[in-house]
C-alpha atoms as a PDB file:
ATOM      1  CA  MET A   1     119.659 145.905  66.684  1.00  0.00           C
ATOM      2  CA  LYS A   2     119.417 146.747  70.382  1.00  0.00           C
ATOM      3  CA  LEU A   3     116.425 148.842  71.455  1.00  0.00           C
ATOM      4  CA  PRO A   4     116.009 150.703  74.751  1.00  0.00           C
ATOM      5  CA  ARG A   5     114.171 148.281  77.043  1.00  0.00           C
ATOM      6  CA  ASP A   6     111.746 150.827  78.505  1.00  0.00           C
ATOM      7  CA  ARG A   7     110.794 152.283  75.116  1.00  0.00           C
ATOM      8  CA  ALA A   8     111.230 149.323  72.781  1.00  0.00           C
ATOM      9  CA  LEU A   9     107.855 149.744  71.061  1.00  0.00           C
ATOM     10  CA  GLU A  10     108.362 153.424  70.307  1.00  0.00           C
ATOM     11  CA  ALA A  11     111.947 152.862  69.224  1.00  0.00           C
ATOM     12  CA  ALA A  12     110.894 150.062  66.865  1.00  0.00           C
ATOM     13  CA  VAL A  13     108.221 152.262  65.289  1.00  0.00           C
ATOM     14  CA  GLY A  14     110.707 155.096  64.814  1.00  0.00           C
ATOM     15  CA  ARG A  15     113.314 152.896  63.171  1.00  0.00           C
ATOM     16  CA  VAL A  16     110.841 151.259  60.813  1.00  0.00           C
ATOM     17  CA  LEU A  17     109.400 154.652  59.821  1.00  0.00           C
ATOM     18  CA  ILE A  18     112.873 156.006  59.082  1.00  0.00           C
ATOM     19  CA  GLN A  19     113.668 153.033  56.865  1.00  0.00           C
ATOM     20  CA  ALA A  20     110.289 153.081  55.117  1.00  0.00           C
ATOM     21  CA  THR A  21     110.396 156.799  54.276  1.00  0.00           C
ATOM     22  CA  ALA A  22     114.079 157.077  53.397  1.00  0.00           C
ATOM     23  CA  SER A  23     113.573 156.126  49.745  1.00  0.00           C
ATOM     24  CA  ASN A  24     111.045 158.925  49.137  1.00  0.00           C
ATOM     25  CA  GLY A  25     113.570 161.687  49.748  1.00  0.00           C
ATOM     26  CA  GLU A  26     112.404 165.278  49.723  1.00  0.00           C
ATOM     27  CA  THR A  27     109.066 164.570  48.044  1.00  0.00           C
ATOM     28  CA  PHE A  28     107.707 162.879  51.179  1.00  0.00           C
ATOM     29  CA  ASP A  29     108.810 164.444  54.446  1.00  0.00           C
ATOM     30  CA  LEU A  30     107.545 162.696  57.577  1.00  0.00           C
ATOM     31  CA  ARG A  31     108.173 165.273  60.255  1.00  0.00           C
ATOM     32  CA  HIS A  32     106.877 163.616  63.430  1.00  0.00           C
ATOM     33  CA  TYR A  33     104.765 160.795  64.783  1.00  0.00           C
ATOM     34  CA  ARG A  34     102.951 159.962  68.001  1.00  0.00           C
ATOM     35  CA  PHE A  35     102.591 156.455  69.294  1.00  0.00           C
ATOM     36  CA  SER A  36      99.900 155.324  71.698  1.00  0.00           C
ATOM     37  CA  LEU A  37      99.005 151.898  73.012  1.00  0.00           C
ATOM     38  CA  ASP A  38      95.692 150.649  74.354  1.00  0.00           C
ATOM     39  CA  THR A  39      96.575 147.359  76.040  1.00  0.00           C
ATOM     40  CA  SER A  40      92.963 146.539  76.920  1.00  0.00           C
ATOM     41  CA  ARG A  41      92.035 146.615  73.217  1.00  0.00           C
ATOM     42  CA  ARG A  42      95.447 145.290  72.114  1.00  0.00           C
ATOM     43  CA  GLU A  43      95.808 148.068  69.574  1.00  0.00           C
ATOM     44  CA  SER A  44      98.197 150.880  68.886  1.00  0.00           C
ATOM     45  CA  THR A  45      97.588 154.140  67.110  1.00  0.00           C
ATOM     46  CA  ILE A  46     100.323 155.888  65.205  1.00  0.00           C
ATOM     47  CA  ASP A  47      99.519 159.485  64.351  1.00  0.00           C
ATOM     48  CA  LEU A  48     101.791 160.582  61.515  1.00  0.00           C
ATOM     49  CA  ARG A  49     102.656 164.209  60.839  1.00  0.00           C
ATOM     50  CA  LEU A  50     103.966 165.355  57.491  1.00  0.00           C
ATOM     51  CA  ASN A  51     105.886 168.533  56.872  1.00  0.00           C
ATOM     52  CA  PRO A  52     103.166 170.968  55.707  1.00  0.00           C
ATOM     53  CA  GLU A  53     105.319 171.874  52.713  1.00  0.00           C
ATOM     54  CA  THR A  54     105.943 168.316  51.525  1.00  0.00           C
ATOM     55  CA  ARG A  55     104.847 167.715  47.943  1.00  0.00           C
ATOM     56  CA  ARG A  56     103.251 164.328  48.540  1.00  0.00           C
ATOM     57  CA  ARG A  57     100.522 163.185  50.900  1.00  0.00           C
ATOM     58  CA  PHE A  58      99.731 159.716  52.192  1.00  0.00           C
ATOM     59  CA  GLN A  59      96.907 159.341  49.686  1.00  0.00           C
ATOM     60  CA  SER A  60      99.282 159.984  46.777  1.00  0.00           C
ATOM     61  CA  LEU A  61     101.534 157.054  47.672  1.00  0.00           C
ATOM     62  CA  SER A  62     101.352 154.042  45.392  1.00  0.00           C
ATOM     63  CA  SER A  63     100.083 150.735  46.747  1.00  0.00           C
ATOM     64  CA  CYS A  64     103.667 149.506  47.061  1.00  0.00           C
ATOM     65  CA  GLU A  65     104.746 152.634  48.925  1.00  0.00           C
ATOM     66  CA  GLN A  66     101.785 152.343  51.296  1.00  0.00           C
ATOM     67  CA  LEU A  67     102.570 148.687  51.928  1.00  0.00           C
ATOM     68  CA  THR A  68     106.191 149.562  52.661  1.00  0.00           C
ATOM     69  CA  LEU A  69     105.251 152.334  55.072  1.00  0.00           C
ATOM     70  CA  PHE A  70     102.173 150.992  56.826  1.00  0.00           C
ATOM     71  CA  GLY A  71     102.706 147.277  56.344  1.00  0.00           C
ATOM     72  CA  SER A  72     106.226 147.260  57.715  1.00  0.00           C
ATOM     73  CA  VAL A  73     105.185 149.064  60.892  1.00  0.00           C
ATOM     74  CA  GLN A  74     102.125 146.864  61.312  1.00  0.00           C
ATOM     75  CA  ALA A  75     104.136 143.668  60.843  1.00  0.00           C
ATOM     76  CA  THR A  76     106.817 144.825  63.259  1.00  0.00           C
ATOM     77  CA  LEU A  77     104.287 145.512  66.003  1.00  0.00           C
ATOM     78  CA  THR A  78     101.856 142.632  65.542  1.00  0.00           C
ATOM     79  CA  ARG A  79     104.337 139.823  64.928  1.00  0.00           C
ATOM     80  CA  ASN A  80     106.337 140.276  68.116  1.00  0.00           C
ATOM     81  CA  ARG A  81     104.802 137.892  70.644  1.00  0.00           C
ATOM     82  CA  HIS A  82     106.128 139.981  73.553  1.00  0.00           C
ATOM     83  CA  TRP A  83     104.123 143.048  72.568  1.00  0.00           C
ATOM     84  CA  PRO A  84     100.368 143.247  73.309  1.00  0.00           C
ATOM     85  CA  ILE A  85      99.323 144.438  69.843  1.00  0.00           C
ATOM     86  CA  ASP A  86      96.890 142.770  67.449  1.00  0.00           C
ATOM     87  CA  ARG A  87      95.860 145.861  65.500  1.00  0.00           C
ATOM     88  CA  VAL A  88      97.588 149.035  64.312  1.00  0.00           C
ATOM     89  CA  ILE A  89      95.652 152.166  63.371  1.00  0.00           C
ATOM     90  CA  PHE A  90      97.302 154.930  61.379  1.00  0.00           C
ATOM     91  CA  THR A  91      96.119 158.526  61.457  1.00  0.00           C
ATOM     92  CA  ASP A  92      97.222 161.757  59.797  1.00  0.00           C
ATOM     93  CA  ASN A  93      96.819 164.587  62.319  1.00  0.00           C
ATOM     94  CA  GLY A  94      94.066 162.562  63.978  1.00  0.00           C
ATOM     95  CA  GLN A  95      92.249 161.608  60.766  1.00  0.00           C
ATOM     96  CA  ARG A  96      92.193 157.880  60.125  1.00  0.00           C
ATOM     97  CA  LEU A  97      94.204 156.645  57.148  1.00  0.00           C
ATOM     98  CA  ASP A  98      92.767 153.683  55.276  1.00  0.00           C
ATOM     99  CA  TRP A  99      95.294 151.850  53.210  1.00  0.00           C
END
C-alpha cells in the first residue's frame, strides 16, 4: 500500500481506522478524527469523533473491539522505526479514552 509521502502518518491512521471500524457497521459510526504529533515528546494524539446519533460509544465496545480499534492504530504508529512515535493517546472530543 502506497501512502502519500508528505502525509504518511495521517494516511496510515485513516486507513487503519477505516479497517478497524468497518466490521461495526451502522451501530458504530466514526465520523471524523484529528491527528496531532508532538515530536519532542514522541507522542501522537488522535481525537476521534463519533456521529452524535450512533448507537454505540467507545465505552460500550468489547475488549476485543477496543483492541482492534485502538491497538491496531497504536501498533501501526509505534512500530514503524521511521516515525517519531513511542506513545499514542486517544481522545473522544478532547476527553481522554482509557482502554
